[in-house]
Amino acid sequence: MKQARVAAKADRAVKAPEPALDNRRARFEYEKLESLEVGVALQGSEVKSIRRGNVSINEAFARLRDGELWLLNFTIPAYKEASHFNHEPNRPRKLLLHREQMQRLTGRAAEKGLTLVPWRLYFKNGRVKLELALVKGKKLWDRRRDIQARDVQREIARSVAR
C-alpha cells in the first residue's frame, strides 16, 4: 500500500521539460573552442520571464569587470505580473563560477580574435544555467563549408530514409 502511494506521488511529480534556448546566431557566426556551465545571478521576476521563454541572447557577450565576469546585452523583458517589483530588461548580470575557471577563460579570451558568448540557456535543478563558450569568429568560407556539409548530411539522411 505504501509503495503504491509513493509511485502515485512520483507520477504526479513528473514535470514538463524546462525550456532551453540555443544561441543559433552564435552557432552560425562562431567556432566553439571550449565551453563551461555557469550560473547567472537573477532576480525573481527575471526567472519567471525566462520560464515564459521571453529571452534574447543573440547579442549577449561576457566581459571581465572588477575581477568579476558580467553578461552584457542579455535581454530579459519585464514580467508584467511583477508590477513595481520588476527588473530592468538590459541590466548587466553577474555570472557565477569559480575563480580559477574565470581566470582561465578570461586569460584565453584576451587572445586576439577570441571572445566569450552565451551558447545555451537552460534550467538545471530549478536554477538558470548558461553554457558560456570561448569562441573564434568564422570566416565567410568557413560558413559556406558548414552550410555545404549540413546540406550533404541532409541529403544522406533523406536517401537512407527512402
N, C-alpha and C. Protein backbone atom coordinates (compact mmCIF):
# COMPACT_ATOMS: atom_id res chain seq x y z
N MET A 1 0.83 -1.20 0.00
CA MET A 1 0.00 0.00 0.00
C MET A 1 0.87 1.26 0.00
N LYS A 2 1.89 1.23 0.85
CA LYS A 2 2.78 2.39 0.96
C LYS A 2 3.53 2.62 -0.35
N GLN A 3 3.94 1.53 -1.00
CA GLN A 3 4.66 1.64 -2.27
C GLN A 3 3.76 2.23 -3.34
N ALA A 4 2.49 1.91 -3.33
CA ALA A 4 1.55 2.44 -4.32
C ALA A 4 1.41 3.95 -4.17
N ARG A 5 1.37 4.45 -2.92
CA ARG A 5 1.28 5.90 -2.69
C ARG A 5 2.53 6.61 -3.19
N VAL A 6 3.69 6.01 -2.91
CA VAL A 6 4.95 6.61 -3.35
C VAL A 6 5.01 6.67 -4.87
N ALA A 7 4.58 5.60 -5.54
CA ALA A 7 4.57 5.56 -7.00
C ALA A 7 3.61 6.60 -7.57
N ALA A 8 2.45 6.77 -6.90
CA ALA A 8 1.48 7.76 -7.37
C ALA A 8 2.04 9.17 -7.23
N LYS A 9 2.76 9.44 -6.14
CA LYS A 9 3.37 10.76 -5.96
C LYS A 9 4.44 11.00 -7.02
N ALA A 10 5.19 9.96 -7.33
CA ALA A 10 6.24 10.09 -8.34
C ALA A 10 5.64 10.42 -9.70
N ASP A 11 4.50 9.81 -10.02
CA ASP A 11 3.83 10.09 -11.30
C ASP A 11 3.36 11.53 -11.37
N ARG A 12 2.84 12.05 -10.26
CA ARG A 12 2.36 13.43 -10.25
C ARG A 12 3.51 14.42 -10.29
N ALA A 13 4.68 14.01 -9.78
CA ALA A 13 5.81 14.93 -9.71
C ALA A 13 6.50 15.12 -11.06
N VAL A 14 6.15 14.33 -12.06
CA VAL A 14 6.76 14.48 -13.38
C VAL A 14 6.32 15.81 -13.97
N LYS A 15 7.31 16.65 -14.28
CA LYS A 15 7.02 17.97 -14.81
C LYS A 15 7.32 18.02 -16.29
N ALA A 16 6.81 19.06 -16.92
CA ALA A 16 7.17 19.29 -18.32
C ALA A 16 8.63 19.69 -18.39
N PRO A 17 9.32 19.36 -19.47
CA PRO A 17 10.73 19.72 -19.57
C PRO A 17 10.90 21.24 -19.54
N GLU A 18 11.95 21.66 -18.86
CA GLU A 18 12.23 23.09 -18.75
C GLU A 18 12.66 23.64 -20.11
N PRO A 19 12.33 24.88 -20.40
CA PRO A 19 12.72 25.44 -21.69
C PRO A 19 14.22 25.65 -21.80
N ALA A 20 14.75 25.37 -22.95
CA ALA A 20 16.16 25.61 -23.23
C ALA A 20 16.23 26.53 -24.44
N LEU A 21 17.18 27.41 -24.43
CA LEU A 21 17.32 28.38 -25.51
C LEU A 21 18.72 28.29 -26.07
N ASP A 22 18.83 28.02 -27.36
CA ASP A 22 20.12 27.96 -28.03
C ASP A 22 20.39 29.27 -28.75
N ASN A 23 21.65 29.67 -28.76
CA ASN A 23 22.05 30.87 -29.47
C ASN A 23 22.42 30.46 -30.89
N ARG A 24 21.43 30.41 -31.76
CA ARG A 24 21.65 29.94 -33.13
C ARG A 24 22.54 30.88 -33.92
N ARG A 25 22.44 32.14 -33.62
CA ARG A 25 23.28 33.12 -34.32
C ARG A 25 24.76 32.87 -34.01
N ALA A 26 25.07 32.58 -32.74
CA ALA A 26 26.45 32.30 -32.35
C ALA A 26 26.95 31.02 -33.01
N ARG A 27 26.07 30.02 -33.11
CA ARG A 27 26.47 28.77 -33.77
C ARG A 27 26.84 29.01 -35.23
N PHE A 28 26.18 29.96 -35.87
CA PHE A 28 26.45 30.25 -37.27
C PHE A 28 27.71 31.11 -37.44
N GLU A 29 27.89 32.10 -36.54
CA GLU A 29 28.97 33.07 -36.72
C GLU A 29 30.28 32.70 -36.05
N TYR A 30 30.26 31.76 -35.08
CA TYR A 30 31.46 31.46 -34.32
C TYR A 30 31.78 29.98 -34.31
N GLU A 31 33.04 29.68 -34.09
CA GLU A 31 33.50 28.31 -33.89
C GLU A 31 33.80 28.14 -32.40
N LYS A 32 33.16 27.16 -31.77
CA LYS A 32 33.31 26.96 -30.32
C LYS A 32 34.61 26.22 -30.03
N LEU A 33 35.46 26.83 -29.19
CA LEU A 33 36.72 26.20 -28.81
C LEU A 33 36.58 25.42 -27.51
N GLU A 34 35.91 26.01 -26.53
CA GLU A 34 35.62 25.30 -25.28
C GLU A 34 34.42 25.95 -24.62
N SER A 35 33.80 25.24 -23.69
CA SER A 35 32.62 25.78 -23.02
C SER A 35 32.63 25.41 -21.55
N LEU A 36 31.79 26.12 -20.80
CA LEU A 36 31.73 25.94 -19.36
C LEU A 36 30.32 26.27 -18.89
N GLU A 37 29.79 25.47 -17.96
CA GLU A 37 28.47 25.75 -17.38
C GLU A 37 28.65 26.74 -16.23
N VAL A 38 27.91 27.85 -16.30
CA VAL A 38 27.98 28.87 -15.25
C VAL A 38 26.56 29.21 -14.80
N GLY A 39 26.46 29.74 -13.60
CA GLY A 39 25.20 30.22 -13.09
C GLY A 39 25.04 31.70 -13.41
N VAL A 40 23.83 32.21 -13.29
CA VAL A 40 23.54 33.61 -13.56
C VAL A 40 22.80 34.17 -12.35
N ALA A 41 23.27 35.31 -11.83
CA ALA A 41 22.61 35.95 -10.70
C ALA A 41 21.40 36.73 -11.24
N LEU A 42 20.20 36.28 -10.88
CA LEU A 42 18.97 36.87 -11.40
C LEU A 42 18.03 37.26 -10.26
N GLN A 43 17.09 38.14 -10.60
CA GLN A 43 16.01 38.48 -9.68
C GLN A 43 14.82 37.57 -9.97
N GLY A 44 13.87 37.50 -9.06
CA GLY A 44 12.73 36.60 -9.20
C GLY A 44 11.90 36.85 -10.44
N SER A 45 11.65 38.13 -10.76
CA SER A 45 10.84 38.42 -11.94
C SER A 45 11.57 38.03 -13.22
N GLU A 46 12.90 38.04 -13.20
CA GLU A 46 13.67 37.63 -14.38
C GLU A 46 13.53 36.13 -14.61
N VAL A 47 13.55 35.35 -13.55
CA VAL A 47 13.41 33.91 -13.68
C VAL A 47 12.04 33.56 -14.24
N LYS A 48 11.00 34.24 -13.75
CA LYS A 48 9.65 33.98 -14.25
C LYS A 48 9.53 34.34 -15.73
N SER A 49 10.16 35.42 -16.13
CA SER A 49 10.14 35.82 -17.52
C SER A 49 10.88 34.81 -18.39
N ILE A 50 11.99 34.27 -17.90
CA ILE A 50 12.75 33.25 -18.63
C ILE A 50 11.92 31.98 -18.78
N ARG A 51 11.21 31.59 -17.72
CA ARG A 51 10.37 30.39 -17.80
C ARG A 51 9.29 30.54 -18.87
N ARG A 52 8.82 31.76 -19.09
CA ARG A 52 7.85 32.01 -20.16
C ARG A 52 8.50 31.97 -21.54
N GLY A 53 9.82 32.03 -21.60
CA GLY A 53 10.52 32.00 -22.88
C GLY A 53 10.82 33.37 -23.43
N ASN A 54 10.68 34.40 -22.62
CA ASN A 54 10.94 35.77 -23.08
C ASN A 54 12.39 36.13 -22.83
N VAL A 55 13.28 35.71 -23.73
CA VAL A 55 14.70 35.97 -23.55
C VAL A 55 15.34 36.20 -24.92
N SER A 56 16.35 37.04 -24.95
CA SER A 56 17.13 37.22 -26.17
C SER A 56 18.61 37.19 -25.80
N ILE A 57 19.33 36.15 -26.28
CA ILE A 57 20.75 36.06 -26.00
C ILE A 57 21.59 36.25 -27.26
N ASN A 58 20.96 36.66 -28.35
CA ASN A 58 21.68 36.77 -29.62
C ASN A 58 22.82 37.78 -29.60
N GLU A 59 22.65 38.92 -28.96
CA GLU A 59 23.69 39.94 -28.94
C GLU A 59 24.51 39.92 -27.65
N ALA A 60 24.27 38.95 -26.78
CA ALA A 60 24.92 38.91 -25.48
C ALA A 60 26.39 38.48 -25.59
N PHE A 61 27.19 38.95 -24.64
CA PHE A 61 28.59 38.57 -24.52
C PHE A 61 29.04 38.78 -23.09
N ALA A 62 30.17 38.18 -22.72
CA ALA A 62 30.67 38.28 -21.35
C ALA A 62 31.96 39.10 -21.33
N ARG A 63 32.12 39.90 -20.27
CA ARG A 63 33.32 40.72 -20.08
C ARG A 63 33.75 40.66 -18.62
N LEU A 64 35.02 40.84 -18.39
CA LEU A 64 35.57 40.89 -17.04
C LEU A 64 35.56 42.34 -16.56
N ARG A 65 34.95 42.57 -15.39
CA ARG A 65 34.91 43.90 -14.77
C ARG A 65 35.19 43.75 -13.29
N ASP A 66 36.17 44.46 -12.80
CA ASP A 66 36.49 44.48 -11.37
C ASP A 66 36.66 43.08 -10.79
N GLY A 67 37.30 42.20 -11.52
CA GLY A 67 37.56 40.85 -11.05
C GLY A 67 36.36 39.92 -11.09
N GLU A 68 35.26 40.34 -11.73
CA GLU A 68 34.07 39.51 -11.85
C GLU A 68 33.66 39.43 -13.31
N LEU A 69 33.03 38.34 -13.67
CA LEU A 69 32.58 38.14 -15.05
C LEU A 69 31.12 38.57 -15.15
N TRP A 70 30.81 39.46 -16.10
CA TRP A 70 29.46 40.01 -16.27
C TRP A 70 28.94 39.67 -17.66
N LEU A 71 27.65 39.42 -17.74
CA LEU A 71 26.97 39.17 -19.01
C LEU A 71 26.28 40.45 -19.45
N LEU A 72 26.65 40.95 -20.61
CA LEU A 72 26.12 42.21 -21.13
C LEU A 72 25.23 41.96 -22.34
N ASN A 73 24.30 42.88 -22.59
CA ASN A 73 23.36 42.81 -23.72
C ASN A 73 22.47 41.57 -23.67
N PHE A 74 22.22 41.05 -22.50
CA PHE A 74 21.35 39.90 -22.29
C PHE A 74 19.98 40.47 -21.95
N THR A 75 19.02 40.35 -22.86
CA THR A 75 17.73 40.99 -22.71
C THR A 75 16.69 40.03 -22.15
N ILE A 76 16.12 40.41 -20.99
CA ILE A 76 15.00 39.69 -20.40
C ILE A 76 13.88 40.71 -20.23
N PRO A 77 12.84 40.65 -21.06
CA PRO A 77 11.75 41.63 -20.94
C PRO A 77 11.09 41.59 -19.57
N ALA A 78 10.45 42.69 -19.23
CA ALA A 78 9.78 42.81 -17.93
C ALA A 78 8.67 41.78 -17.81
N TYR A 79 8.48 41.28 -16.61
CA TYR A 79 7.42 40.33 -16.29
C TYR A 79 6.22 41.15 -15.83
N LYS A 80 5.16 41.18 -16.62
CA LYS A 80 4.03 42.08 -16.38
C LYS A 80 3.40 41.91 -15.00
N GLU A 81 3.29 40.68 -14.52
CA GLU A 81 2.62 40.43 -13.25
C GLU A 81 3.44 40.87 -12.04
N ALA A 82 4.71 41.27 -12.24
CA ALA A 82 5.57 41.64 -11.11
C ALA A 82 5.31 43.07 -10.64
N SER A 83 4.51 43.83 -11.32
CA SER A 83 4.13 45.21 -11.01
C SER A 83 5.36 46.07 -10.75
N HIS A 84 5.42 46.74 -9.63
CA HIS A 84 6.52 47.68 -9.39
C HIS A 84 7.78 46.99 -8.89
N PHE A 85 7.77 45.67 -8.71
CA PHE A 85 8.96 44.94 -8.30
C PHE A 85 9.71 44.40 -9.53
N ASN A 86 9.46 44.97 -10.69
CA ASN A 86 10.03 44.47 -11.93
C ASN A 86 11.51 44.80 -12.04
N HIS A 87 12.15 44.22 -13.01
CA HIS A 87 13.59 44.39 -13.23
C HIS A 87 13.83 45.24 -14.47
N GLU A 88 15.05 45.71 -14.61
CA GLU A 88 15.47 46.44 -15.80
C GLU A 88 15.84 45.41 -16.88
N PRO A 89 15.27 45.51 -18.08
CA PRO A 89 15.46 44.45 -19.09
C PRO A 89 16.91 44.22 -19.54
N ASN A 90 17.72 45.27 -19.67
CA ASN A 90 19.06 45.10 -20.23
C ASN A 90 20.19 45.30 -19.22
N ARG A 91 19.92 45.12 -17.94
CA ARG A 91 20.97 45.36 -16.95
C ARG A 91 22.06 44.31 -17.07
N PRO A 92 23.31 44.65 -16.71
CA PRO A 92 24.37 43.63 -16.70
C PRO A 92 24.08 42.61 -15.60
N ARG A 93 24.35 41.34 -15.90
CA ARG A 93 24.09 40.28 -14.94
C ARG A 93 25.38 39.54 -14.61
N LYS A 94 25.57 39.30 -13.32
CA LYS A 94 26.79 38.66 -12.86
C LYS A 94 26.75 37.17 -13.15
N LEU A 95 27.87 36.63 -13.63
CA LEU A 95 27.99 35.20 -13.88
C LEU A 95 28.67 34.55 -12.68
N LEU A 96 28.18 33.39 -12.30
CA LEU A 96 28.67 32.70 -11.10
C LEU A 96 29.52 31.51 -11.50
N LEU A 97 30.83 31.59 -11.22
CA LEU A 97 31.74 30.49 -11.50
C LEU A 97 32.93 30.61 -10.57
N HIS A 98 33.73 29.55 -10.50
CA HIS A 98 34.89 29.54 -9.63
C HIS A 98 35.97 30.47 -10.17
N ARG A 99 36.75 31.04 -9.26
CA ARG A 99 37.79 32.00 -9.63
C ARG A 99 38.80 31.40 -10.62
N GLU A 100 39.19 30.14 -10.41
CA GLU A 100 40.16 29.50 -11.31
C GLU A 100 39.59 29.37 -12.72
N GLN A 101 38.30 29.00 -12.80
CA GLN A 101 37.65 28.88 -14.11
C GLN A 101 37.59 30.24 -14.79
N MET A 102 37.27 31.28 -14.02
CA MET A 102 37.17 32.62 -14.57
C MET A 102 38.52 33.10 -15.09
N GLN A 103 39.57 32.87 -14.32
CA GLN A 103 40.90 33.31 -14.73
C GLN A 103 41.35 32.59 -16.00
N ARG A 104 41.07 31.29 -16.07
CA ARG A 104 41.46 30.53 -17.26
C ARG A 104 40.71 31.02 -18.50
N LEU A 105 39.38 31.19 -18.36
CA LEU A 105 38.58 31.64 -19.51
C LEU A 105 38.93 33.05 -19.94
N THR A 106 39.05 33.97 -19.00
CA THR A 106 39.34 35.35 -19.38
C THR A 106 40.76 35.49 -19.91
N GLY A 107 41.69 34.67 -19.41
CA GLY A 107 43.05 34.68 -19.96
C GLY A 107 43.06 34.26 -21.41
N ARG A 108 42.30 33.21 -21.72
CA ARG A 108 42.21 32.76 -23.11
C ARG A 108 41.44 33.76 -23.96
N ALA A 109 40.40 34.39 -23.39
CA ALA A 109 39.58 35.33 -24.15
C ALA A 109 40.37 36.60 -24.48
N ALA A 110 41.44 36.87 -23.73
CA ALA A 110 42.26 38.05 -24.00
C ALA A 110 43.09 37.88 -25.28
N GLU A 111 43.23 36.65 -25.76
CA GLU A 111 43.94 36.42 -27.01
C GLU A 111 43.19 37.08 -28.16
N LYS A 112 43.92 37.45 -29.18
CA LYS A 112 43.30 38.15 -30.31
C LYS A 112 42.31 37.25 -31.03
N GLY A 113 41.11 37.80 -31.27
CA GLY A 113 40.09 37.10 -32.04
C GLY A 113 39.21 36.18 -31.23
N LEU A 114 39.40 36.07 -29.92
CA LEU A 114 38.57 35.19 -29.11
C LEU A 114 37.66 36.02 -28.21
N THR A 115 36.47 35.49 -27.96
CA THR A 115 35.51 36.17 -27.09
C THR A 115 34.66 35.14 -26.35
N LEU A 116 33.94 35.61 -25.35
CA LEU A 116 33.04 34.75 -24.56
C LEU A 116 31.60 35.09 -24.90
N VAL A 117 30.84 34.11 -25.37
CA VAL A 117 29.43 34.32 -25.70
C VAL A 117 28.58 33.23 -25.06
N PRO A 118 27.32 33.55 -24.73
CA PRO A 118 26.42 32.52 -24.22
C PRO A 118 26.02 31.60 -25.37
N TRP A 119 26.20 30.31 -25.18
CA TRP A 119 25.92 29.33 -26.22
C TRP A 119 24.53 28.74 -26.04
N ARG A 120 24.14 28.55 -24.77
CA ARG A 120 22.87 27.90 -24.47
C ARG A 120 22.40 28.34 -23.09
N LEU A 121 21.09 28.51 -22.93
CA LEU A 121 20.48 28.88 -21.65
C LEU A 121 19.48 27.79 -21.30
N TYR A 122 19.53 27.28 -20.07
CA TYR A 122 18.63 26.19 -19.68
C TYR A 122 18.46 26.18 -18.16
N PHE A 123 17.53 25.36 -17.69
CA PHE A 123 17.30 25.17 -16.26
C PHE A 123 17.89 23.83 -15.85
N LYS A 124 18.53 23.83 -14.68
CA LYS A 124 19.08 22.60 -14.13
C LYS A 124 18.76 22.59 -12.64
N ASN A 125 17.95 21.63 -12.22
CA ASN A 125 17.51 21.55 -10.82
C ASN A 125 16.85 22.85 -10.36
N GLY A 126 16.08 23.46 -11.23
CA GLY A 126 15.35 24.68 -10.89
C GLY A 126 16.16 25.95 -10.95
N ARG A 127 17.42 25.87 -11.34
CA ARG A 127 18.28 27.06 -11.41
C ARG A 127 18.64 27.35 -12.86
N VAL A 128 18.76 28.64 -13.18
CA VAL A 128 19.11 29.04 -14.53
C VAL A 128 20.61 28.82 -14.74
N LYS A 129 20.95 28.09 -15.76
CA LYS A 129 22.35 27.84 -16.11
C LYS A 129 22.60 28.34 -17.52
N LEU A 130 23.84 28.70 -17.75
CA LEU A 130 24.25 29.23 -19.04
C LEU A 130 25.49 28.48 -19.48
N GLU A 131 25.49 28.01 -20.71
CA GLU A 131 26.70 27.42 -21.26
C GLU A 131 27.47 28.55 -21.92
N LEU A 132 28.56 28.95 -21.28
CA LEU A 132 29.39 30.04 -21.76
C LEU A 132 30.50 29.45 -22.62
N ALA A 133 30.64 29.94 -23.84
CA ALA A 133 31.60 29.35 -24.77
C ALA A 133 32.69 30.36 -25.13
N LEU A 134 33.90 29.85 -25.21
CA LEU A 134 35.02 30.62 -25.74
C LEU A 134 35.02 30.37 -27.24
N VAL A 135 34.86 31.43 -28.03
CA VAL A 135 34.65 31.26 -29.46
C VAL A 135 35.62 32.09 -30.28
N LYS A 136 35.74 31.67 -31.52
CA LYS A 136 36.54 32.38 -32.51
C LYS A 136 35.64 32.62 -33.72
N GLY A 137 35.66 33.83 -34.26
CA GLY A 137 34.80 34.16 -35.39
C GLY A 137 35.13 33.34 -36.63
N LYS A 138 34.06 32.91 -37.33
CA LYS A 138 34.25 32.16 -38.58
C LYS A 138 34.42 33.13 -39.74
N LYS A 139 35.19 32.72 -40.69
CA LYS A 139 35.32 33.48 -41.93
C LYS A 139 34.19 33.07 -42.87
N LEU A 140 34.00 33.82 -43.93
CA LEU A 140 32.92 33.56 -44.87
C LEU A 140 33.01 32.15 -45.46
N TRP A 141 34.23 31.73 -45.81
CA TRP A 141 34.37 30.41 -46.41
C TRP A 141 34.09 29.30 -45.40
N ASP A 142 34.37 29.54 -44.11
CA ASP A 142 34.04 28.55 -43.08
C ASP A 142 32.54 28.36 -43.00
N ARG A 143 31.79 29.45 -43.09
CA ARG A 143 30.33 29.37 -43.03
C ARG A 143 29.78 28.61 -44.23
N ARG A 144 30.34 28.91 -45.39
CA ARG A 144 29.88 28.23 -46.60
C ARG A 144 30.16 26.73 -46.52
N ARG A 145 31.33 26.38 -46.00
CA ARG A 145 31.68 24.97 -45.86
C ARG A 145 30.73 24.28 -44.88
N ASP A 146 30.37 24.94 -43.79
CA ASP A 146 29.43 24.36 -42.82
C ASP A 146 28.05 24.16 -43.45
N ILE A 147 27.59 25.13 -44.22
CA ILE A 147 26.29 25.01 -44.89
C ILE A 147 26.31 23.86 -45.88
N GLN A 148 27.41 23.73 -46.63
CA GLN A 148 27.54 22.65 -47.61
C GLN A 148 27.55 21.29 -46.91
N ALA A 149 28.28 21.17 -45.81
CA ALA A 149 28.33 19.90 -45.07
C ALA A 149 26.95 19.55 -44.50
N ARG A 150 26.23 20.54 -44.02
CA ARG A 150 24.90 20.31 -43.48
C ARG A 150 23.95 19.83 -44.58
N ASP A 151 24.06 20.43 -45.78
CA ASP A 151 23.22 20.01 -46.91
C ASP A 151 23.54 18.58 -47.32
N VAL A 152 24.81 18.20 -47.32
CA VAL A 152 25.20 16.84 -47.68
C VAL A 152 24.63 15.85 -46.68
N GLN A 153 24.72 16.17 -45.38
CA GLN A 153 24.17 15.29 -44.35
C GLN A 153 22.67 15.14 -44.50
N ARG A 154 21.99 16.23 -44.84
CA ARG A 154 20.54 16.18 -45.03
C ARG A 154 20.19 15.27 -46.20
N GLU A 155 20.94 15.36 -47.30
CA GLU A 155 20.69 14.51 -48.46
C GLU A 155 20.94 13.04 -48.14
N ILE A 156 21.98 12.76 -47.37
CA ILE A 156 22.28 11.38 -46.98
C ILE A 156 21.14 10.83 -46.13
N ALA A 157 20.64 11.65 -45.19
CA ALA A 157 19.55 11.21 -44.33
C ALA A 157 18.28 10.95 -45.14
N ARG A 158 18.03 11.76 -46.14
CA ARG A 158 16.86 11.56 -46.99
C ARG A 158 16.97 10.28 -47.80
N SER A 159 18.16 10.03 -48.34
CA SER A 159 18.34 8.82 -49.17
C SER A 159 18.26 7.56 -48.30
N VAL A 160 18.75 7.61 -47.08
CA VAL A 160 18.64 6.46 -46.18
C VAL A 160 17.20 6.21 -45.78
N ALA A 161 16.44 7.28 -45.60
CA ALA A 161 15.03 7.14 -45.22
C ALA A 161 14.20 6.50 -46.32
N ARG A 162 14.59 6.69 -47.56
CA ARG A 162 13.86 6.11 -48.69
C ARG A 162 14.16 4.67 -48.77
